[in-house]
Amino acid sequence: MRVIETWTTARVRSLRDVTPTIRQFELVPAEGTPAQIPLGGHLNVTVMIGERADTRSYSLIGPPLPDAYRIAVKRSPASRGGSAYMWSLREGAELTISSPRSHFEIDFGRPDYLLIAGGIGITPIVGMAQALARAGAALRMHYCVRSRDELAFADELRAVLGDRLQTFVSAEGQRLDLEAALASLAPAGLAAVCGPLPLLDQARSIWRKNGRPVGDLRCETFGSSGQLAAQAFRLRIAPGGHEIVVPENQSILDALEDAGIGVISDCRRGECGVCALNIVAVDGIVDHRDVFFSDHQKRENTRLCACVSRAVGTITIDPLLRPDPARPEG
């Protein structure tokens, strides 16, 4: 079950490769006028994985256009098929998109802002940086990539931020000192971090260690990245012991739905915790890929977010519906 969304048809107006692995799409909604785009907002997009329709979320890139949405999709061999489908589209293709939503918002009026992007996590940060710069905010931005040709939108950001933008290319031996960067943020300042899960985990750990207010750190992950490479694993259903195999390119949530087992869900991004399931037993390793549960809860290994988390070996879960969990602090 999903939260009700407004869906519409959209047409691919233009395509542009901003890096060898990142393609930008301009999508014109059938109504002709895009809904208001919230900072940090995203669209849900219907994609075809083989013969099966599925949903993927892509961040909206600012500044907003008067008649179209901008998104960017990273082509990843390790993806579950959504990026391959999006890259197969050509100009004039039609697809179904949701109204914009946001789980990654910032507020204005802070004394200091620090934006940190890792890889494709740059997409929601572009609009944030431009909006803050227009507002005259005290702002710095750090952008981390593996290789220089992955610096998507860097020229666009440099034109707005100048030397307030620092880039770090790991292939050239450049590393962001995340602890020093976060410590440099003024009291009551706001940090927004978007990128792979290890980056977010490190940022949240440093933030807690420094005793900073939880609400002053905003995080969003991309690609449901985990600690282990995706591979097929076995899922045992309790009670009864029925088993299904979750392929490397499919989520637990999708595999359960294909098996006729309904699970309540919402964001499908590992952020809201609505699809959390009880873990009954583990014969292997659980790779928690959500940003909902705390590090302590992940170490307890008693629940997982079915939309993004994976495993190695065999895990036994209880798919019975539970009350919506309250979001943990920290």
C-alpha atoms as a PDB file:
ATOM      1  CA  MET A   1       0.000   0.000   0.000  1.00  0.00           C
ATOM      2  CA  ARG A   2       1.312   3.463  -0.918  1.00  0.00           C
ATOM      3  CA  VAL A   3       0.504   6.985   0.152  1.00  0.00           C
ATOM      4  CA  ILE A   4      -1.818   8.460  -2.510  1.00  0.00           C
ATOM      5  CA  GLU A   5       0.096  10.471  -5.110  1.00  0.00           C
ATOM      6  CA  THR A   6      -0.929  12.465  -8.140  1.00  0.00           C
ATOM      7  CA  TRP A   7       0.432  10.915 -11.333  1.00  0.00           C
ATOM      8  CA  THR A   8       0.552  12.307 -14.842  1.00  0.00           C
ATOM      9  CA  THR A   9       2.072  11.574 -18.233  1.00  0.00           C
ATOM     10  CA  ALA A  10       5.237  13.414 -19.182  1.00  0.00           C
ATOM     11  CA  ARG A  11       7.225  13.704 -22.402  1.00  0.00           C
ATOM     12  CA  VAL A  12      11.013  13.601 -22.639  1.00  0.00           C
ATOM     13  CA  ARG A  13      11.792  16.951 -24.254  1.00  0.00           C
ATOM     14  CA  SER A  14      15.567  16.709 -24.246  1.00  0.00           C
ATOM     15  CA  LEU A  15      18.474  14.535 -23.155  1.00  0.00           C
ATOM     16  CA  ARG A  16      22.005  15.620 -22.284  1.00  0.00           C
ATOM     17  CA  ASP A  17      24.952  13.626 -20.994  1.00  0.00           C
ATOM     18  CA  VAL A  18      26.502  15.760 -18.265  1.00  0.00           C
ATOM     19  CA  THR A  19      29.176  13.111 -17.573  1.00  0.00           C
ATOM     20  CA  PRO A  20      29.959   9.762 -19.259  1.00  0.00           C
ATOM     21  CA  THR A  21      27.636   8.035 -16.745  1.00  0.00           C
ATOM     22  CA  ILE A  22      25.072  10.734 -15.831  1.00  0.00           C
ATOM     23  CA  ARG A  23      22.291  11.770 -18.233  1.00  0.00           C
ATOM     24  CA  GLN A  24      20.005  14.751 -17.684  1.00  0.00           C
ATOM     25  CA  PHE A  25      16.341  14.568 -18.731  1.00  0.00           C
ATOM     26  CA  GLU A  26      13.921  17.445 -19.250  1.00  0.00           C
ATOM     27  CA  LEU A  27      10.383  16.152 -18.675  1.00  0.00           C
ATOM     28  CA  VAL A  28       7.339  18.162 -19.783  1.00  0.00           C
ATOM     29  CA  PRO A  29       4.176  17.185 -17.874  1.00  0.00           C
ATOM     30  CA  ALA A  30       0.984  16.677 -19.862  1.00  0.00           C
ATOM     31  CA  GLU A  31      -0.633  19.623 -18.081  1.00  0.00           C
ATOM     32  CA  GLY A  32       2.146  21.860 -19.403  1.00  0.00           C
ATOM     33  CA  THR A  33       2.849  23.572 -16.082  1.00  0.00           C
ATOM     34  CA  PRO A  34       5.022  21.790 -13.500  1.00  0.00           C
ATOM     35  CA  ALA A  35       3.910  21.730  -9.893  1.00  0.00           C
ATOM     36  CA  GLN A  36       5.910  23.843  -7.470  1.00  0.00           C
ATOM     37  CA  ILE A  37       9.292  22.213  -6.877  1.00  0.00           C
ATOM     38  CA  PRO A  38      10.317  21.986  -3.200  1.00  0.00           C
ATOM     39  CA  LEU A  39      14.005  22.299  -2.358  1.00  0.00           C
ATOM     40  CA  GLY A  40      15.445  18.807  -2.138  1.00  0.00           C
ATOM     41  CA  GLY A  41      12.384  17.488  -3.968  1.00  0.00           C
ATOM     42  CA  HIS A  42      12.145  14.413  -6.136  1.00  0.00           C
ATOM     43  CA  LEU A  43       9.839  12.761  -8.653  1.00  0.00           C
ATOM     44  CA  ASN A  44       8.724   9.165  -8.619  1.00  0.00           C
ATOM     45  CA  VAL A  45       8.936   7.720 -12.126  1.00  0.00           C
ATOM     46  CA  THR A  46       7.373   4.554 -13.504  1.00  0.00           C
ATOM     47  CA  VAL A  47      10.032   2.383 -15.147  1.00  0.00           C
ATOM     48  CA  MET A  48       9.825  -0.995 -16.865  1.00  0.00           C
ATOM     49  CA  ILE A  49      12.049  -3.765 -15.516  1.00  0.00           C
ATOM     50  CA  GLY A  50      11.590  -6.403 -18.188  1.00  0.00           C
ATOM     51  CA  GLU A  51       7.813  -6.829 -18.380  1.00  0.00           C
ATOM     52  CA  ARG A  52       7.181  -5.476 -14.887  1.00  0.00           C
ATOM     53  CA  ALA A  53       6.333  -1.879 -14.033  1.00  0.00           C
ATOM     54  CA  ASP A  54       8.236  -0.468 -11.061  1.00  0.00           C
ATOM     55  CA  THR A  55       8.926   2.900  -9.462  1.00  0.00           C
ATOM     56  CA  ARG A  56      12.161   4.835  -9.068  1.00  0.00           C
ATOM     57  CA  SER A  57      12.832   8.197  -7.410  1.00  0.00           C
ATOM     58  CA  TYR A  58      14.991  10.891  -9.010  1.00  0.00           C
ATOM     59  CA  SER A  59      15.886  14.243  -7.487  1.00  0.00           C
ATOM     60  CA  LEU A  60      14.790  17.441  -9.162  1.00  0.00           C
ATOM     61  CA  ILE A  61      17.592  19.697 -10.316  1.00  0.00           C
ATOM     62  CA  GLY A  62      17.209  23.427  -9.744  1.00  0.00           C
ATOM     63  CA  PRO A  63      16.642  26.106 -10.602  1.00  0.00           C
ATOM     64  CA  PRO A  64      13.085  25.217 -11.697  1.00  0.00           C
ATOM     65  CA  LEU A  65      12.138  25.609 -15.348  1.00  0.00           C
ATOM     66  CA  PRO A  66       8.818  27.270 -16.237  1.00  0.00           C
ATOM     67  CA  ASP A  67       7.536  24.326 -18.265  1.00  0.00           C
ATOM     68  CA  ALA A  68       9.569  21.222 -17.398  1.00  0.00           C
ATOM     69  CA  TYR A  69      11.213  19.190 -14.661  1.00  0.00           C
ATOM     70  CA  ARG A  70      14.942  18.389 -14.728  1.00  0.00           C
ATOM     71  CA  ILE A  71      16.266  15.099 -13.367  1.00  0.00           C
ATOM     72  CA  ALA A  72      19.550  13.242 -13.843  1.00  0.00           C
ATOM     73  CA  VAL A  73      20.071   9.481 -13.879  1.00  0.00           C
ATOM     74  CA  LYS A  74      23.372   7.705 -13.264  1.00  0.00           C
ATOM     75  CA  ARG A  75      23.839   4.597 -15.384  1.00  0.00           C
ATOM     76  CA  SER A  76      24.971   1.868 -13.004  1.00  0.00           C
ATOM     77  CA  PRO A  77      25.707  -1.767 -13.895  1.00  0.00           C
ATOM     78  CA  ALA A  78      24.836  -2.672 -10.285  1.00  0.00           C
ATOM     79  CA  SER A  79      21.407  -1.038 -10.417  1.00  0.00           C
ATOM     80  CA  ARG A  80      18.117  -2.960 -10.280  1.00  0.00           C
ATOM     81  CA  GLY A  81      17.277  -1.982 -13.868  1.00  0.00           C
ATOM     82  CA  GLY A  82      15.772   1.471 -13.462  1.00  0.00           C
ATOM     83  CA  SER A  83      18.760   3.383 -14.804  1.00  0.00           C
ATOM     84  CA  ALA A  84      19.040   1.061 -17.826  1.00  0.00           C
ATOM     85  CA  TYR A  85      15.410   1.747 -18.671  1.00  0.00           C
ATOM     86  CA  MET A  86      15.796   5.508 -18.312  1.00  0.00           C
ATOM     87  CA  TRP A  87      18.890   5.481 -20.514  1.00  0.00           C
ATOM     88  CA  SER A  88      16.949   3.552 -23.173  1.00  0.00           C
ATOM     89  CA  LEU A  89      14.503   6.456 -23.579  1.00  0.00           C
ATOM     90  CA  ARG A  90      14.779   8.878 -26.479  1.00  0.00           C
ATOM     91  CA  GLU A  91      13.465  12.387 -27.038  1.00  0.00           C
ATOM     92  CA  GLY A  92       9.688  12.304 -27.446  1.00  0.00           C
ATOM     93  CA  ALA A  93       9.248   9.211 -25.252  1.00  0.00           C
ATOM     94  CA  GLU A  94       6.394   9.273 -22.759  1.00  0.00           C
ATOM     95  CA  LEU A  95       6.466   8.053 -19.181  1.00  0.00           C
ATOM     96  CA  THR A  96       4.440   8.422 -16.006  1.00  0.00           C
ATOM     97  CA  ILE A  97       5.642  10.669 -13.190  1.00  0.00           C
ATOM     98  CA  SER A  98       4.342  11.648  -9.761  1.00  0.00           C
ATOM     99  CA  SER A  99       3.881  15.093  -8.324  1.00  0.00           C
ATOM    100  CA  PRO A 100       7.028  16.389  -6.586  1.00  0.00           C
ATOM    101  CA  ARG A 101       7.684  15.390  -2.995  1.00  0.00           C
ATOM    102  CA  SER A 102      10.535  16.171  -0.610  1.00  0.00           C
ATOM    103  CA  HIS A 103      12.151  14.375   2.327  1.00  0.00           C
ATOM    104  CA  PHE A 104      15.304  16.511   2.156  1.00  0.00           C
ATOM    105  CA  GLU A 105      14.384  20.089   2.914  1.00  0.00           C
ATOM    106  CA  ILE A 106      16.368  22.975   4.361  1.00  0.00           C
ATOM    107  CA  ASP A 107      15.198  26.119   6.066  1.00  0.00           C
ATOM    108  CA  PHE A 108      16.404  29.658   5.506  1.00  0.00           C
ATOM    109  CA  GLY A 109      17.638  32.146   8.091  1.00  0.00           C
ATOM    110  CA  ARG A 110      20.507  30.072   9.496  1.00  0.00           C
ATOM    111  CA  PRO A 111      23.824  31.827  10.243  1.00  0.00           C
ATOM    112  CA  ASP A 112      25.847  29.291   8.248  1.00  0.00           C
ATOM    113  CA  TYR A 113      25.290  26.486   5.713  1.00  0.00           C
ATOM    114  CA  LEU A 114      27.453  23.559   4.678  1.00  0.00           C
ATOM    115  CA  LEU A 115      26.439  21.445   1.661  1.00  0.00           C
ATOM    116  CA  ILE A 116      28.209  18.133   1.007  1.00  0.00           C
ATOM    117  CA  ALA A 117      27.574  15.973  -2.060  1.00  0.00           C
ATOM    118  CA  GLY A 118      29.018  12.579  -2.946  1.00  0.00           C
ATOM    119  CA  GLY A 119      28.729  11.388  -6.560  1.00  0.00           C
ATOM    120  CA  ILE A 120      25.183  11.457  -7.935  1.00  0.00           C
ATOM    121  CA  GLY A 121      24.148  12.976  -4.602  1.00  0.00           C
ATOM    122  CA  ILE A 122      24.890  16.293  -6.290  1.00  0.00           C
ATOM    123  CA  THR A 123      21.448  16.411  -7.931  1.00  0.00           C
ATOM    124  CA  PRO A 124      19.336  17.835  -5.072  1.00  0.00           C
ATOM    125  CA  ILE A 125      22.252  19.955  -3.852  1.00  0.00           C
ATOM    126  CA  VAL A 126      22.390  22.028  -7.070  1.00  0.00           C
ATOM    127  CA  GLY A 127      19.084  23.762  -6.401  1.00  0.00           C
ATOM    128  CA  MET A 128      19.858  24.210  -2.710  1.00  0.00           C
ATOM    129  CA  ALA A 129      23.190  25.890  -3.451  1.00  0.00           C
ATOM    130  CA  GLN A 130      21.658  28.243  -5.986  1.00  0.00           C
ATOM    131  CA  ALA A 131      18.716  29.182  -3.737  1.00  0.00           C
ATOM    132  CA  LEU A 132      20.982  29.875  -0.772  1.00  0.00           C
ATOM    133  CA  ALA A 133      23.375  31.903  -2.917  1.00  0.00           C
ATOM    134  CA  ARG A 134      20.497  34.011  -4.244  1.00  0.00           C
ATOM    135  CA  ALA A 135      19.368  34.622  -0.662  1.00  0.00           C
ATOM    136  CA  GLY A 136      22.838  35.877   0.296  1.00  0.00           C
ATOM    137  CA  ALA A 137      23.388  33.088   2.836  1.00  0.00           C
ATOM    138  CA  ALA A 138      26.767  32.241   4.331  1.00  0.00           C
ATOM    139  CA  LEU A 139      27.462  29.090   2.361  1.00  0.00           C
ATOM    140  CA  ARG A 140      30.182  26.570   1.593  1.00  0.00           C
ATOM    141  CA  MET A 141      29.970  23.423  -0.498  1.00  0.00           C
ATOM    142  CA  HIS A 142      32.113  20.278  -0.777  1.00  0.00           C
ATOM    143  CA  TYR A 143      31.682  17.935  -3.756  1.00  0.00           C
ATOM    144  CA  CYS A 144      33.343  14.480  -3.718  1.00  0.00           C
ATOM    145  CA  VAL A 145      33.714  12.168  -6.733  1.00  0.00           C
ATOM    146  CA  ARG A 146      35.878   9.230  -7.751  1.00  0.00           C
ATOM    147  CA  SER A 147      37.207  10.735 -10.999  1.00  0.00           C
ATOM    148  CA  ARG A 148      37.242  14.248 -12.469  1.00  0.00           C
ATOM    149  CA  ASP A 149      34.921  13.328 -15.343  1.00  0.00           C
ATOM    150  CA  GLU A 150      32.198  12.573 -12.752  1.00  0.00           C
ATOM    151  CA  LEU A 151      31.924  16.231 -11.678  1.00  0.00           C
ATOM    152  CA  ALA A 152      28.378  16.786 -12.920  1.00  0.00           C
ATOM    153  CA  PHE A 153      27.084  20.386 -12.812  1.00  0.00           C
ATOM    154  CA  ALA A 154      30.412  21.626 -11.405  1.00  0.00           C
ATOM    155  CA  ASP A 155      30.718  24.482 -13.934  1.00  0.00           C
ATOM    156  CA  GLU A 156      27.128  25.531 -13.230  1.00  0.00           C
ATOM    157  CA  LEU A 157      27.828  25.585  -9.497  1.00  0.00           C
ATOM    158  CA  ARG A 158      31.210  27.300  -9.850  1.00  0.00           C
ATOM    159  CA  ALA A 159      29.542  30.168 -11.713  1.00  0.00           C
ATOM    160  CA  VAL A 160      27.292  30.762  -8.689  1.00  0.00           C
ATOM    161  CA  LEU A 161      29.556  29.856  -5.778  1.00  0.00           C
ATOM    162  CA  GLY A 162      33.064  30.684  -6.985  1.00  0.00           C
ATOM    163  CA  ASP A 163      35.677  29.594  -4.456  1.00  0.00           C
ATOM    164  CA  ARG A 164      32.956  28.622  -1.974  1.00  0.00           C
ATOM    165  CA  LEU A 165      32.804  25.347  -3.937  1.00  0.00           C
ATOM    166  CA  GLN A 166      35.563  22.825  -3.228  1.00  0.00           C
ATOM    167  CA  THR A 167      35.857  19.586  -5.188  1.00  0.00           C
ATOM    168  CA  PHE A 168      37.607  16.400  -4.071  1.00  0.00           C
ATOM    169  CA  VAL A 169      38.636  13.750  -6.624  1.00  0.00           C
ATOM    170  CA  SER A 170      39.665  10.503  -4.945  1.00  0.00           C
ATOM    171  CA  ALA A 171      41.490   9.175  -8.038  1.00  0.00           C
ATOM    172  CA  GLU A 172      43.828  12.171  -7.673  1.00  0.00           C
ATOM    173  CA  GLY A 173      44.450  11.524  -3.982  1.00  0.00           C
ATOM    174  CA  GLN A 174      42.068  14.207  -2.750  1.00  0.00           C
ATOM    175  CA  ARG A 175      40.012  13.412   0.348  1.00  0.00           C
ATOM    176  CA  LEU A 176      37.521  15.528   2.218  1.00  0.00           C
ATOM    177  CA  ASP A 177      38.269  15.829   5.930  1.00  0.00           C
ATOM    178  CA  LEU A 178      34.637  15.373   6.907  1.00  0.00           C
ATOM    179  CA  GLU A 179      35.235  15.803  10.612  1.00  0.00           C
ATOM    180  CA  ALA A 180      37.005  19.142  10.104  1.00  0.00           C
ATOM    181  CA  ALA A 181      34.370  20.307   7.621  1.00  0.00           C
ATOM    182  CA  LEU A 182      31.479  19.624   9.989  1.00  0.00           C
ATOM    183  CA  ALA A 183      33.363  21.120  12.943  1.00  0.00           C
ATOM    184  CA  SER A 184      33.824  24.356  10.981  1.00  0.00           C
ATOM    185  CA  LEU A 185      30.071  24.951  10.785  1.00  0.00           C
ATOM    186  CA  ALA A 186      28.974  27.823  13.005  1.00  0.00           C
ATOM    187  CA  PRO A 187      26.660  27.101  15.968  1.00  0.00           C
ATOM    188  CA  ALA A 188      23.031  26.870  14.799  1.00  0.00           C
ATOM    189  CA  GLY A 189      24.312  26.334  11.264  1.00  0.00           C
ATOM    190  CA  LEU A 190      22.735  23.700   9.023  1.00  0.00           C
ATOM    191  CA  ALA A 191      24.538  20.900   7.176  1.00  0.00           C
ATOM    192  CA  ALA A 192      22.952  19.032   4.245  1.00  0.00           C
ATOM    193  CA  VAL A 193      24.654  15.838   3.086  1.00  0.00           C
ATOM    194  CA  CYS A 194      23.633  13.723   0.104  1.00  0.00           C
ATOM    195  CA  GLY A 195      25.500  10.740  -1.284  1.00  0.00           C
ATOM    196  CA  PRO A 196      26.295   7.084  -0.642  1.00  0.00           C
ATOM    197  CA  LEU A 197      25.383   5.486   2.660  1.00  0.00           C
ATOM    198  CA  PRO A 198      28.954   5.311   4.094  1.00  0.00           C
ATOM    199  CA  LEU A 199      29.243   9.092   3.705  1.00  0.00           C
ATOM    200  CA  LEU A 200      25.970   9.636   5.549  1.00  0.00           C
ATOM    201  CA  ASP A 201      26.864   7.148   8.273  1.00  0.00           C
ATOM    202  CA  GLN A 202      30.175   8.909   8.874  1.00  0.00           C
ATOM    203  CA  ALA A 203      28.539  12.356   8.911  1.00  0.00           C
ATOM    204  CA  ARG A 204      25.866  11.291  11.397  1.00  0.00           C
ATOM    205  CA  SER A 205      28.471   9.611  13.639  1.00  0.00           C
ATOM    206  CA  ILE A 206      30.626  12.758  13.717  1.00  0.00           C
ATOM    207  CA  TRP A 207      27.569  14.925  14.300  1.00  0.00           C
ATOM    208  CA  ARG A 208      26.461  12.892  17.310  1.00  0.00           C
ATOM    209  CA  LYS A 209      29.990  12.749  18.721  1.00  0.00           C
ATOM    210  CA  ASN A 210      30.182  16.542  18.574  1.00  0.00           C
ATOM    211  CA  GLY A 211      26.843  16.864  20.388  1.00  0.00           C
ATOM    212  CA  ARG A 212      25.222  18.934  17.665  1.00  0.00           C
ATOM    213  CA  PRO A 213      21.407  19.166  17.433  1.00  0.00           C
ATOM    214  CA  VAL A 214      19.978  16.280  15.411  1.00  0.00           C
ATOM    215  CA  GLY A 215      17.698  18.593  13.416  1.00  0.00           C
ATOM    216  CA  ASP A 216      20.624  20.658  12.143  1.00  0.00           C
ATOM    217  CA  LEU A 217      21.914  17.790   9.979  1.00  0.00           C
ATOM    218  CA  ARG A 218      19.817  16.862   6.936  1.00  0.00           C
ATOM    219  CA  CYS A 219      20.737  13.686   5.039  1.00  0.00           C
ATOM    220  CA  GLU A 220      19.648  11.824   1.943  1.00  0.00           C
ATOM    221  CA  THR A 221      21.232   8.783   0.339  1.00  0.00           C
ATOM    222  CA  PHE A 222      21.345   7.754  -3.301  1.00  0.00           C
ATOM    223  CA  GLY A 223      21.297   4.369  -4.980  1.00  0.00           C
ATOM    224  CA  SER A 224      20.474   2.516  -1.737  1.00  0.00           C
ATOM    225  CA  SER A 225      24.180   1.868  -1.457  1.00  0.00           C
ATOM    226  CA  GLY A 226      25.306  -0.620   1.148  1.00  0.00           C
ATOM    227  CA  GLN A 227      28.417  -2.089   2.679  1.00  0.00           C
ATOM    228  CA  LEU A 228      28.336  -5.257   0.522  1.00  0.00           C
ATOM    229  CA  ALA A 229      28.022  -5.861  -3.211  1.00  0.00           C
ATOM    230  CA  ALA A 230      24.514  -6.854  -4.243  1.00  0.00           C
ATOM    231  CA  GLN A 231      24.018 -10.578  -4.803  1.00  0.00           C
ATOM    232  CA  ALA A 232      21.136 -13.027  -4.775  1.00  0.00           C
ATOM    233  CA  PHE A 233      20.098 -14.293  -1.348  1.00  0.00           C
ATOM    234  CA  ARG A 234      17.437 -16.515   0.176  1.00  0.00           C
ATOM    235  CA  LEU A 235      14.468 -15.093   2.081  1.00  0.00           C
ATOM    236  CA  ARG A 236      12.556 -17.415   4.427  1.00  0.00           C
ATOM    237  CA  ILE A 237       9.054 -16.378   5.447  1.00  0.00           C
ATOM    238  CA  ALA A 238       7.814 -16.986   8.987  1.00  0.00           C
ATOM    239  CA  PRO A 239       5.589 -18.576   9.961  1.00  0.00           C
ATOM    240  CA  GLY A 240       5.553 -21.510   7.572  1.00  0.00           C
ATOM    241  CA  GLY A 241       9.111 -21.441   6.269  1.00  0.00           C
ATOM    242  CA  HIS A 242       8.236 -20.663   2.634  1.00  0.00           C
ATOM    243  CA  GLU A 243      11.381 -19.533   0.806  1.00  0.00           C
ATOM    244  CA  ILE A 244      11.976 -17.210  -2.126  1.00  0.00           C
ATOM    245  CA  VAL A 245      15.184 -16.084  -3.790  1.00  0.00           C
ATOM    246  CA  VAL A 246      15.762 -12.327  -4.014  1.00  0.00           C
ATOM    247  CA  PRO A 247      17.805 -11.630  -7.165  1.00  0.00           C
ATOM    248  CA  GLU A 248      20.666  -9.139  -7.077  1.00  0.00           C
ATOM    249  CA  ASN A 249      18.614  -6.607  -9.071  1.00  0.00           C
ATOM    250  CA  GLN A 250      15.409  -6.802  -7.011  1.00  0.00           C
ATOM    251  CA  SER A 251      14.474  -5.541  -3.550  1.00  0.00           C
ATOM    252  CA  ILE A 252      13.005  -7.627  -0.732  1.00  0.00           C
ATOM    253  CA  LEU A 253       9.851  -5.542  -1.035  1.00  0.00           C
ATOM    254  CA  ASP A 254       9.470  -6.255  -4.754  1.00  0.00           C
ATOM    255  CA  ALA A 255      10.263  -9.945  -4.300  1.00  0.00           C
ATOM    256  CA  LEU A 256       7.597 -10.277  -1.590  1.00  0.00           C
ATOM    257  CA  GLU A 257       5.034  -8.461  -3.730  1.00  0.00           C
ATOM    258  CA  ASP A 258       5.844 -10.727  -6.713  1.00  0.00           C
ATOM    259  CA  ALA A 259       5.270 -13.709  -4.403  1.00  0.00           C
ATOM    260  CA  GLY A 260       1.831 -12.350  -3.487  1.00  0.00           C
ATOM    261  CA  ILE A 261       2.829 -11.157  -0.018  1.00  0.00           C
ATOM    262  CA  GLY A 262       1.675  -7.576   0.550  1.00  0.00           C
ATOM    263  CA  VAL A 263       3.841  -5.218   2.574  1.00  0.00           C
ATOM    264  CA  ILE A 264       2.823  -1.679   3.486  1.00  0.00           C
ATOM    265  CA  SER A 265       5.303   0.850   2.047  1.00  0.00           C
ATOM    266  CA  ASP A 266       5.711   4.476   1.147  1.00  0.00           C
ATOM    267  CA  CYS A 267       8.993   6.122   0.092  1.00  0.00           C
ATOM    268  CA  ARG A 268      10.827   3.026  -1.221  1.00  0.00           C
ATOM    269  CA  ARG A 269      14.050   4.912  -0.502  1.00  0.00           C
ATOM    270  CA  GLY A 270      14.913   3.607   2.973  1.00  0.00           C
ATOM    271  CA  GLU A 271      13.883   6.861   4.623  1.00  0.00           C
ATOM    272  CA  CYS A 272      10.404   6.513   6.143  1.00  0.00           C
ATOM    273  CA  GLY A 273      10.524   3.075   7.835  1.00  0.00           C
ATOM    274  CA  VAL A 274       6.959   2.188   6.822  1.00  0.00           C
ATOM    275  CA  CYS A 275       8.048  -1.090   5.165  1.00  0.00           C
ATOM    276  CA  ALA A 276      10.115  -2.244   8.183  1.00  0.00           C
ATOM    277  CA  LEU A 277       9.883  -5.996   8.828  1.00  0.00           C
ATOM    278  CA  ASN A 278      10.900  -8.092  11.830  1.00  0.00           C
ATOM    279  CA  ILE A 279      14.023 -10.231  11.404  1.00  0.00           C
ATOM    280  CA  VAL A 280      13.444 -13.664  12.947  1.00  0.00           C
ATOM    281  CA  ALA A 281      16.779 -15.346  12.149  1.00  0.00           C
ATOM    282  CA  VAL A 282      19.960 -14.687  10.176  1.00  0.00           C
ATOM    283  CA  ASP A 283      22.174 -17.311   8.563  1.00  0.00           C
ATOM    284  CA  GLY A 284      24.577 -14.890   6.915  1.00  0.00           C
ATOM    285  CA  ILE A 285      24.805 -11.085   6.970  1.00  0.00           C
ATOM    286  CA  VAL A 286      22.149  -8.378   6.787  1.00  0.00           C
ATOM    287  CA  ASP A 287      23.257  -5.325   4.786  1.00  0.00           C
ATOM    288  CA  HIS A 288      21.156  -2.469   6.192  1.00  0.00           C
ATOM    289  CA  ARG A 289      20.907   0.204   3.501  1.00  0.00           C
ATOM    290  CA  ASP A 290      18.313   2.506   5.049  1.00  0.00           C
ATOM    291  CA  VAL A 291      18.734   5.882   6.717  1.00  0.00           C
ATOM    292  CA  PHE A 292      15.757   5.313   9.011  1.00  0.00           C
ATOM    293  CA  PHE A 293      17.139   3.050  11.723  1.00  0.00           C
ATOM    294  CA  SER A 294      19.929   4.216  14.018  1.00  0.00           C
ATOM    295  CA  ASP A 295      23.352   2.535  14.055  1.00  0.00           C
ATOM    296  CA  HIS A 296      22.393   0.877  17.351  1.00  0.00           C
ATOM    297  CA  GLN A 297      19.185  -0.529  15.878  1.00  0.00           C
ATOM    298  CA  LYS A 298      21.074  -1.844  12.859  1.00  0.00           C
ATOM    299  CA  ARG A 299      23.559  -3.612  15.122  1.00  0.00           C
ATOM    300  CA  GLU A 300      20.657  -5.199  17.015  1.00  0.00           C
ATOM    301  CA  ASN A 301      19.624  -6.729  13.683  1.00  0.00           C
ATOM    302  CA  THR A 302      15.980  -7.185  14.658  1.00  0.00           C
ATOM    303  CA  ARG A 303      14.313  -5.150  11.865  1.00  0.00           C
ATOM    304  CA  LEU A 304      15.087  -4.086   8.312  1.00  0.00           C
ATOM    305  CA  CYS A 305      13.625  -1.796   5.677  1.00  0.00           C
ATOM    306  CA  ALA A 306      12.390  -4.129   2.946  1.00  0.00           C
ATOM    307  CA  CYS A 307      12.629  -1.518   0.194  1.00  0.00           C
ATOM    308  CA  VAL A 308      16.425  -1.164   0.218  1.00  0.00           C
ATOM    309  CA  SER A 309      18.167  -3.549   2.633  1.00  0.00           C
ATOM    310  CA  ARG A 310      19.749  -6.761   1.398  1.00  0.00           C
ATOM    311  CA  ALA A 311      21.538  -9.819   2.751  1.00  0.00           C
ATOM    312  CA  VAL A 312      24.132 -12.460   2.094  1.00  0.00           C
ATOM    313  CA  GLY A 313      23.075 -16.051   2.786  1.00  0.00           C
ATOM    314  CA  THR A 314      19.599 -16.680   4.219  1.00  0.00           C
ATOM    315  CA  ILE A 315      17.450 -14.491   6.440  1.00  0.00           C
ATOM    316  CA  THR A 316      14.067 -15.245   7.972  1.00  0.00           C
ATOM    317  CA  ILE A 317      11.569 -12.393   8.223  1.00  0.00           C
ATOM    318  CA  ASP A 318       8.052 -11.887   9.555  1.00  0.00           C
ATOM    319  CA  PRO A 319       5.936 -10.004   6.976  1.00  0.00           C
ATOM    320  CA  LEU A 320       2.906  -9.450   9.222  1.00  0.00           C
ATOM    321  CA  LEU A 321       1.641  -5.873   9.164  1.00  0.00           C
ATOM    322  CA  ARG A 322       2.779  -3.753  12.097  1.00  0.00           C
ATOM    323  CA  PRO A 323       1.775  -0.260  13.244  1.00  0.00           C
ATOM    324  CA  ASP A 324       3.688   2.512  11.477  1.00  0.00           C
ATOM    325  CA  PRO A 325       6.908   2.987  13.461  1.00  0.00           C
ATOM    326  CA  ALA A 326       7.808   6.326  15.012  1.00  0.00           C
ATOM    327  CA  ARG A 327      10.988   7.721  13.505  1.00  0.00           C
ATOM    328  CA  PRO A 328      13.892   7.157  15.916  1.00  0.00           C
ATOM    329  CA  GLU A 329      16.024  10.058  17.024  1.00  0.00           C
ATOM    330  CA  GLY A 330      19.717  10.162  16.323  1.00  0.00           C
END
